[in-house]
Amino acid sequence: MARNYRKEYDNYHGSSAQKKRRAGRNTARRAAERTGAVKKGDGKDIHHRDNNPNNNSSGNTVVRTASSNRSFKRTKSAKRA
């Protein structure tokens, strides 16, 4: 069965809550680009320490590699990748 991207957008990515979260992530990325911390195509992500993409304070954001930022602990005893 093929993946239905239209339905996925309508049900999840297109919701107002997800649009606001995406906008917060984009704002953090643009701020880091302005300071020179990241560049387009450098393979870096902006990590939100409290996992709230709308909290873009300088103490809450840090530059990480994409692979490191997109992995997470699966169990309590697991180590962060």
N, C-alpha and C. Protein backbone atom coordinates (compact mmCIF):
# COMPACT_ATOMS: atom_id res chain seq x y z
N MET A 1 0.85 -1.18 0.00
CA MET A 1 0.00 0.00 0.00
C MET A 1 0.89 1.24 0.00
N ALA A 2 0.59 2.15 -0.87
CA ALA A 2 1.37 3.38 -0.99
C ALA A 2 0.99 4.37 0.11
N ARG A 3 1.93 5.21 0.44
CA ARG A 3 1.72 6.21 1.48
C ARG A 3 0.89 7.36 0.93
N ASN A 4 -0.12 7.78 1.67
CA ASN A 4 -1.02 8.84 1.23
C ASN A 4 -0.57 10.16 1.87
N TYR A 5 0.28 10.88 1.16
CA TYR A 5 0.85 12.12 1.70
C TYR A 5 -0.22 13.20 1.88
N ARG A 6 -1.19 13.24 1.01
CA ARG A 6 -2.25 14.25 1.12
C ARG A 6 -3.02 14.06 2.42
N LYS A 7 -3.37 12.82 2.72
CA LYS A 7 -4.11 12.54 3.95
C LYS A 7 -3.25 12.84 5.17
N GLU A 8 -1.97 12.51 5.08
CA GLU A 8 -1.04 12.76 6.18
C GLU A 8 -0.95 14.27 6.47
N TYR A 9 -0.87 15.07 5.42
CA TYR A 9 -0.82 16.52 5.61
C TYR A 9 -2.12 17.02 6.21
N ASP A 10 -3.24 16.57 5.66
CA ASP A 10 -4.54 17.04 6.15
C ASP A 10 -4.76 16.67 7.61
N ASN A 11 -4.34 15.48 8.00
CA ASN A 11 -4.60 15.01 9.36
C ASN A 11 -3.60 15.49 10.39
N TYR A 12 -2.36 15.75 9.96
CA TYR A 12 -1.33 16.07 10.95
C TYR A 12 -0.56 17.34 10.62
N HIS A 13 0.19 17.33 9.54
CA HIS A 13 1.07 18.45 9.22
C HIS A 13 0.32 19.75 8.93
N GLY A 14 -0.91 19.65 8.50
CA GLY A 14 -1.68 20.84 8.17
C GLY A 14 -2.46 21.43 9.32
N SER A 15 -2.41 20.79 10.49
CA SER A 15 -3.16 21.32 11.63
C SER A 15 -2.51 22.61 12.12
N SER A 16 -3.30 23.46 12.73
CA SER A 16 -2.79 24.76 13.16
C SER A 16 -1.69 24.60 14.23
N ALA A 17 -1.82 23.61 15.09
CA ALA A 17 -0.80 23.39 16.12
C ALA A 17 0.53 23.01 15.49
N GLN A 18 0.52 22.13 14.50
CA GLN A 18 1.75 21.70 13.86
C GLN A 18 2.37 22.82 13.02
N LYS A 19 1.53 23.66 12.43
CA LYS A 19 2.03 24.81 11.67
C LYS A 19 2.78 25.78 12.59
N LYS A 20 2.25 25.98 13.80
CA LYS A 20 2.91 26.87 14.76
C LYS A 20 4.23 26.28 15.24
N ARG A 21 4.27 24.96 15.46
CA ARG A 21 5.51 24.30 15.87
C ARG A 21 6.56 24.40 14.76
N ARG A 22 6.14 24.18 13.51
CA ARG A 22 7.07 24.29 12.37
C ARG A 22 7.59 25.71 12.24
N ALA A 23 6.73 26.69 12.43
CA ALA A 23 7.14 28.09 12.35
C ALA A 23 8.17 28.41 13.43
N GLY A 24 8.00 27.85 14.62
CA GLY A 24 8.97 28.04 15.70
C GLY A 24 10.32 27.46 15.35
N ARG A 25 10.33 26.27 14.73
CA ARG A 25 11.59 25.65 14.31
C ARG A 25 12.28 26.50 13.24
N ASN A 26 11.49 26.99 12.30
CA ASN A 26 12.05 27.82 11.23
C ASN A 26 12.62 29.12 11.79
N THR A 27 11.95 29.71 12.77
CA THR A 27 12.43 30.94 13.40
C THR A 27 13.78 30.70 14.08
N ALA A 28 13.90 29.58 14.77
CA ALA A 28 15.16 29.25 15.45
C ALA A 28 16.27 29.06 14.43
N ARG A 29 15.98 28.41 13.33
CA ARG A 29 16.99 28.17 12.28
C ARG A 29 17.45 29.50 11.67
N ARG A 30 16.52 30.38 11.37
CA ARG A 30 16.87 31.68 10.78
C ARG A 30 17.71 32.51 11.74
N ALA A 31 17.39 32.48 13.03
CA ALA A 31 18.18 33.22 14.02
C ALA A 31 19.60 32.68 14.08
N ALA A 32 19.77 31.36 14.01
CA ALA A 32 21.10 30.77 14.03
C ALA A 32 21.88 31.10 12.76
N GLU A 33 21.18 31.21 11.64
CA GLU A 33 21.85 31.59 10.39
C GLU A 33 22.33 33.03 10.47
N ARG A 34 21.55 33.90 11.08
CA ARG A 34 21.94 35.31 11.21
C ARG A 34 23.19 35.46 12.07
N THR A 35 23.32 34.63 13.10
CA THR A 35 24.49 34.73 13.98
C THR A 35 25.70 34.00 13.39
N GLY A 36 25.50 33.24 12.33
CA GLY A 36 26.61 32.52 11.70
C GLY A 36 26.86 31.15 12.30
N ALA A 37 25.97 30.69 13.17
CA ALA A 37 26.16 29.38 13.81
C ALA A 37 25.93 28.23 12.84
N VAL A 38 25.06 28.43 11.87
CA VAL A 38 24.77 27.41 10.87
C VAL A 38 24.72 28.05 9.49
N LYS A 39 24.89 27.22 8.47
CA LYS A 39 24.76 27.68 7.09
C LYS A 39 23.86 26.71 6.34
N LYS A 40 23.28 27.15 5.27
CA LYS A 40 22.43 26.31 4.45
C LYS A 40 23.23 25.12 3.94
N GLY A 41 22.69 23.91 4.12
CA GLY A 41 23.33 22.71 3.61
C GLY A 41 24.47 22.18 4.45
N ASP A 42 24.64 22.66 5.68
CA ASP A 42 25.77 22.21 6.50
C ASP A 42 25.49 20.94 7.30
N GLY A 43 24.27 20.41 7.23
CA GLY A 43 23.95 19.17 7.94
C GLY A 43 23.70 19.36 9.42
N LYS A 44 23.48 20.59 9.85
CA LYS A 44 23.25 20.88 11.27
C LYS A 44 21.78 21.17 11.52
N ASP A 45 21.33 20.86 12.71
CA ASP A 45 19.97 21.16 13.17
C ASP A 45 20.05 22.04 14.41
N ILE A 46 18.95 22.71 14.70
CA ILE A 46 18.84 23.48 15.93
C ILE A 46 18.06 22.63 16.92
N HIS A 47 18.70 22.27 18.02
CA HIS A 47 18.08 21.43 19.04
C HIS A 47 17.45 22.31 20.10
N HIS A 48 16.21 22.01 20.46
CA HIS A 48 15.52 22.69 21.56
C HIS A 48 15.64 21.80 22.79
N ARG A 49 16.34 22.26 23.80
CA ARG A 49 16.62 21.44 24.98
C ARG A 49 15.36 20.99 25.70
N ASP A 50 14.34 21.84 25.74
CA ASP A 50 13.10 21.46 26.43
C ASP A 50 12.07 20.86 25.49
N ASN A 51 12.47 20.58 24.24
CA ASN A 51 11.61 19.98 23.21
C ASN A 51 10.39 20.84 22.88
N ASN A 52 10.47 22.13 23.16
CA ASN A 52 9.40 23.06 22.80
C ASN A 52 9.92 23.96 21.68
N PRO A 53 9.49 23.74 20.43
CA PRO A 53 10.02 24.53 19.32
C PRO A 53 9.62 26.00 19.36
N ASN A 54 8.69 26.36 20.22
CA ASN A 54 8.29 27.76 20.32
C ASN A 54 9.12 28.53 21.34
N ASN A 55 9.95 27.83 22.11
CA ASN A 55 10.82 28.47 23.09
C ASN A 55 12.20 28.64 22.44
N ASN A 56 12.42 29.78 21.81
CA ASN A 56 13.66 30.00 21.07
C ASN A 56 14.64 30.88 21.83
N SER A 57 14.61 30.84 23.15
CA SER A 57 15.58 31.60 23.93
C SER A 57 16.97 31.01 23.69
N SER A 58 17.99 31.84 23.84
CA SER A 58 19.35 31.40 23.54
C SER A 58 19.79 30.25 24.45
N GLY A 59 19.29 30.19 25.66
CA GLY A 59 19.65 29.11 26.57
C GLY A 59 18.97 27.80 26.25
N ASN A 60 17.96 27.84 25.40
CA ASN A 60 17.21 26.63 25.08
C ASN A 60 17.61 26.03 23.74
N THR A 61 18.33 26.75 22.91
CA THR A 61 18.69 26.24 21.60
C THR A 61 20.18 25.98 21.50
N VAL A 62 20.54 24.93 20.79
CA VAL A 62 21.94 24.58 20.58
C VAL A 62 22.05 23.93 19.21
N VAL A 63 23.19 24.13 18.55
CA VAL A 63 23.42 23.54 17.23
C VAL A 63 23.93 22.12 17.41
N ARG A 64 23.34 21.18 16.69
CA ARG A 64 23.75 19.78 16.74
C ARG A 64 23.75 19.21 15.32
N THR A 65 24.43 18.08 15.15
CA THR A 65 24.36 17.41 13.87
C THR A 65 22.95 16.88 13.68
N ALA A 66 22.53 16.74 12.44
CA ALA A 66 21.18 16.27 12.16
C ALA A 66 20.96 14.88 12.73
N SER A 67 21.95 13.99 12.59
CA SER A 67 21.77 12.62 13.08
C SER A 67 21.63 12.60 14.60
N SER A 68 22.36 13.45 15.28
CA SER A 68 22.28 13.52 16.73
C SER A 68 20.95 14.12 17.19
N ASN A 69 20.47 15.12 16.48
CA ASN A 69 19.24 15.80 16.89
C ASN A 69 18.00 14.96 16.61
N ARG A 70 18.05 14.13 15.60
CA ARG A 70 16.86 13.37 15.20
C ARG A 70 16.77 12.01 15.85
N SER A 71 17.72 11.66 16.73
CA SER A 71 17.64 10.41 17.48
C SER A 71 17.22 10.76 18.90
N PHE A 72 16.66 9.81 19.59
CA PHE A 72 16.25 10.05 20.96
C PHE A 72 16.31 8.74 21.73
N LYS A 73 16.37 8.86 23.04
CA LYS A 73 16.45 7.68 23.89
C LYS A 73 15.16 6.86 23.78
N ARG A 74 15.31 5.57 23.59
CA ARG A 74 14.16 4.69 23.47
C ARG A 74 13.72 4.16 24.83
N THR A 75 14.67 4.10 25.78
CA THR A 75 14.36 3.61 27.13
C THR A 75 15.02 4.52 28.15
N LYS A 76 14.69 4.37 29.40
CA LYS A 76 15.28 5.19 30.45
C LYS A 76 16.77 4.99 30.57
N SER A 77 17.25 3.75 30.37
CA SER A 77 18.65 3.46 30.56
C SER A 77 19.49 3.66 29.30
N ALA A 78 18.85 3.97 28.18
CA ALA A 78 19.58 4.14 26.92
C ALA A 78 20.40 5.42 26.94
N LYS A 79 21.50 5.42 26.23
CA LYS A 79 22.32 6.63 26.11
C LYS A 79 21.94 7.38 24.85
N ARG A 80 22.10 8.68 24.91
CA ARG A 80 21.77 9.51 23.75
C ARG A 80 22.80 9.28 22.65
N ALA A 81 22.34 9.17 21.44
CA ALA A 81 23.23 8.91 20.30
C ALA A 81 23.97 10.17 19.87
